[in-house]
Amino acid sequence: DRVISNGSHSEFNSVPQNLCAKIPDEVSNESAVFTVLSSIGLNGIRLANPLFGEKFLVSGLGVIGILTAQMLKANGCEVLGIDPDPSKCNLAKKLGFKTLELNNGNDPIDWCLNNTSNIGVDGVIITAATKSNEPIQVAAKSCRKRGRIILIGQIGLELNRDQFYKKELTFQVSCSY
């Protein structure tokens, strides 16, 4: 049987049954390889509990970020994406997402507010990997009151209490899948 799992790459492996699934015949190997990576983003989306029509910011447009954006869109959300890498922003644009390249002196907070009628995004899913605190600061400033922030990636986490307190923001770290 063709199977997908989070186990190590090998001809034979033993993994718990909940971490392994048979690949349906109609799914190609090329599509199946994204299963585990997609499940990482999917768990973050479940924690964010997005509603149809909400606006979400995906911070970090690597493989997991792009997959997360696609799943949010499939869930009926409008998705904005930011990343410092122009090639990642270009790929996201080709897939139909509004993007902002962070290296051009652009202000991601103003950009998010301009794309939400100055209300702020309903939620942010951070898939970025950096030691900087900037992704969490941008997330907090870009969210509307009572917005949700989910951390999937690995970033600096020096939080500004006032940013979270004044808006009653929810912050949660996703434990992979």
Protein backbone atom coordinates (compact mmCIF):
# COMPACT_ATOMS: atom_id res chain seq x y z
CA ASP A 1 0.00 0.00 0.00
CA ARG A 2 1.05 3.58 -0.58
CA VAL A 3 0.96 5.38 2.75
CA ILE A 4 1.81 8.77 4.16
CA SER A 5 3.19 9.23 7.67
CA ASN A 6 5.34 11.47 9.74
CA GLY A 7 7.83 8.65 10.28
CA SER A 8 11.40 8.77 9.07
CA HIS A 9 12.13 8.04 5.42
CA SER A 10 12.76 4.33 5.06
CA GLU A 11 11.48 1.22 3.35
CA PHE A 12 10.09 -0.14 6.63
CA ASN A 13 8.96 1.88 9.62
CA SER A 14 6.75 1.56 12.68
CA VAL A 15 4.54 4.52 13.56
CA PRO A 16 1.32 4.80 15.60
CA GLN A 17 -1.81 4.20 13.50
CA ASN A 18 -3.03 7.79 13.96
CA LEU A 19 0.15 9.08 12.33
CA CYS A 20 -0.18 6.99 9.18
CA ALA A 21 -2.81 6.87 6.44
CA LYS A 22 -3.34 4.97 3.21
CA ILE A 23 -3.12 7.20 0.14
CA PRO A 24 -6.29 6.89 -1.98
CA ASP A 25 -5.73 5.57 -5.50
CA GLU A 26 -6.90 8.84 -7.08
CA VAL A 27 -4.23 10.88 -5.22
CA SER A 28 -0.87 11.13 -6.95
CA ASN A 29 2.42 10.71 -5.10
CA GLU A 30 3.22 14.32 -6.06
CA SER A 31 0.13 15.53 -4.19
CA ALA A 32 0.39 13.09 -1.29
CA VAL A 33 3.82 14.36 -0.25
CA PHE A 34 2.17 17.57 0.99
CA THR A 35 -0.04 15.74 3.52
CA VAL A 36 2.16 16.11 6.61
CA LEU A 37 3.19 19.68 5.78
CA SER A 38 -0.46 20.60 5.19
CA SER A 39 -1.47 19.06 8.51
CA ILE A 40 0.87 21.48 10.29
CA GLY A 41 -0.97 24.45 8.79
CA LEU A 42 -4.34 22.77 9.26
CA ASN A 43 -3.80 22.44 13.02
CA GLY A 44 -3.06 26.16 13.22
CA ILE A 45 -6.21 26.89 11.24
CA ARG A 46 -8.28 24.71 13.57
CA LEU A 47 -6.95 26.65 16.56
CA ALA A 48 -7.78 29.97 14.85
CA ASN A 49 -11.35 28.78 14.17
CA PRO A 50 -11.83 30.96 11.07
CA LEU A 51 -15.31 31.87 9.94
CA PHE A 52 -16.50 32.31 6.36
CA GLY A 53 -15.64 35.78 5.09
CA GLU A 54 -13.02 36.61 7.71
CA LYS A 55 -9.71 38.18 6.74
CA PHE A 56 -6.52 36.43 7.78
CA LEU A 57 -2.89 37.41 7.50
CA VAL A 58 -0.35 34.66 6.89
CA SER A 59 3.07 35.86 8.01
CA GLY A 60 5.71 33.78 6.24
CA LEU A 61 5.04 32.41 2.76
CA GLY A 62 7.25 29.33 2.71
CA VAL A 63 5.77 25.92 1.91
CA ILE A 64 3.74 25.71 5.12
CA GLY A 65 2.61 29.34 4.79
CA ILE A 66 1.43 28.86 1.19
CA LEU A 67 -0.40 25.65 2.11
CA THR A 68 -1.99 27.41 5.10
CA ALA A 69 -3.11 30.32 2.89
CA GLN A 70 -4.66 27.90 0.40
CA MET A 71 -6.58 26.07 3.13
CA LEU A 72 -7.82 29.36 4.63
CA LYS A 73 -9.02 30.42 1.17
CA ALA A 74 -10.77 27.06 0.72
CA ASN A 75 -12.44 27.73 4.08
CA GLY A 76 -13.96 30.96 2.68
CA CYS A 77 -11.47 33.43 4.13
CA GLU A 78 -9.78 36.34 2.41
CA VAL A 79 -6.04 35.87 2.84
CA LEU A 80 -3.25 38.44 2.92
CA GLY A 81 0.35 37.29 2.94
CA ILE A 82 3.66 38.88 3.91
CA ASP A 83 7.23 37.69 3.49
CA PRO A 84 10.66 39.29 2.96
CA ASP A 85 11.40 36.97 0.00
CA PRO A 86 10.12 38.38 -3.32
CA SER A 87 9.99 34.92 -4.96
CA LYS A 88 7.68 33.65 -2.21
CA CYS A 89 5.44 36.71 -2.57
CA ASN A 90 5.35 36.22 -6.35
CA LEU A 91 4.31 32.58 -5.96
CA ALA A 92 1.55 33.59 -3.55
CA LYS A 93 0.37 36.27 -6.02
CA LYS A 94 0.22 33.68 -8.80
CA LEU A 95 -2.00 31.61 -6.52
CA GLY A 96 -4.38 34.57 -6.09
CA PHE A 97 -3.30 36.09 -2.78
CA LYS A 98 -2.62 39.73 -1.95
CA THR A 99 0.98 39.94 -0.79
CA LEU A 100 3.44 42.44 0.58
CA GLU A 101 7.20 42.07 0.31
CA LEU A 102 8.67 43.16 3.63
CA ASN A 103 12.07 44.31 2.31
CA ASN A 104 10.89 47.33 0.34
CA GLY A 105 10.38 49.68 3.29
CA ASN A 106 6.66 48.92 3.15
CA ASP A 107 4.69 49.12 6.36
CA PRO A 108 2.87 45.79 6.85
CA ILE A 109 0.60 47.24 9.53
CA ASP A 110 -0.64 50.09 7.31
CA TRP A 111 -0.97 47.61 4.43
CA CYS A 112 -3.16 45.29 6.53
CA LEU A 113 -5.27 48.18 7.76
CA ASN A 114 -5.68 49.48 4.17
CA ASN A 115 -6.86 46.02 3.11
CA THR A 116 -9.41 45.79 5.94
CA SER A 117 -11.06 49.25 5.84
CA ASN A 118 -8.90 50.25 8.85
CA ILE A 119 -10.48 47.54 11.03
CA GLY A 120 -7.59 45.07 11.15
CA VAL A 121 -7.45 41.42 10.25
CA ASP A 122 -9.57 38.91 12.12
CA GLY A 123 -6.61 36.63 12.64
CA VAL A 124 -2.94 36.06 11.93
CA ILE A 125 -1.22 32.76 11.41
CA ILE A 126 2.54 33.08 11.77
CA THR A 127 4.46 30.48 9.80
CA ALA A 128 7.70 32.48 9.71
CA ALA A 129 11.05 31.33 11.06
CA THR A 130 13.18 34.12 12.53
CA LYS A 131 14.72 35.11 15.84
CA SER A 132 13.13 38.54 15.45
CA ASN A 133 10.10 39.66 17.48
CA GLU A 134 8.81 41.59 14.47
CA PRO A 135 6.27 38.95 13.30
CA ILE A 136 4.45 38.91 16.65
CA GLN A 137 4.53 42.73 16.86
CA VAL A 138 3.15 43.06 13.32
CA ALA A 139 0.49 40.46 14.13
CA ALA A 140 -0.65 42.27 17.26
CA LYS A 141 -0.76 45.68 15.57
CA SER A 142 -2.51 44.31 12.45
CA CYS A 143 -5.32 42.54 14.31
CA ARG A 144 -8.70 43.99 15.07
CA LYS A 145 -9.99 44.02 18.64
CA ARG A 146 -10.35 40.42 19.91
CA GLY A 147 -8.36 39.09 16.97
CA ARG A 148 -6.62 35.72 17.07
CA ILE A 149 -2.93 35.04 16.59
CA ILE A 150 -1.66 31.50 16.07
CA LEU A 151 2.05 30.73 16.01
CA ILE A 152 3.07 27.77 13.87
CA GLY A 153 6.60 28.90 13.04
CA GLN A 154 9.48 29.74 15.34
CA ILE A 155 10.04 33.40 16.13
CA GLY A 156 11.20 35.70 18.90
CA LEU A 157 8.51 35.92 21.55
CA GLU A 158 9.04 39.07 23.56
CA LEU A 159 5.40 40.13 23.82
CA ASN A 160 4.23 43.68 24.48
CA ARG A 161 1.50 43.20 27.07
CA ASP A 162 -0.29 46.46 26.21
CA GLN A 163 -0.71 45.41 22.56
CA PHE A 164 -2.50 42.25 23.67
CA TYR A 165 -4.35 43.76 26.65
CA LYS A 166 -5.88 46.78 24.91
CA LYS A 167 -7.25 44.70 22.04
CA GLU A 168 -7.98 41.56 24.10
CA LEU A 169 -6.01 39.51 21.57
CA THR A 170 -5.88 35.75 21.77
CA PHE A 171 -2.46 34.15 21.27
CA GLN A 172 -1.86 30.43 20.98
CA VAL A 173 1.06 28.29 19.91
CA SER A 174 0.24 25.38 17.62
CA CYS A 175 1.90 22.09 18.47
CA SER A 176 2.62 21.10 14.88
CA TYR A 177 -0.09 18.57 14.02
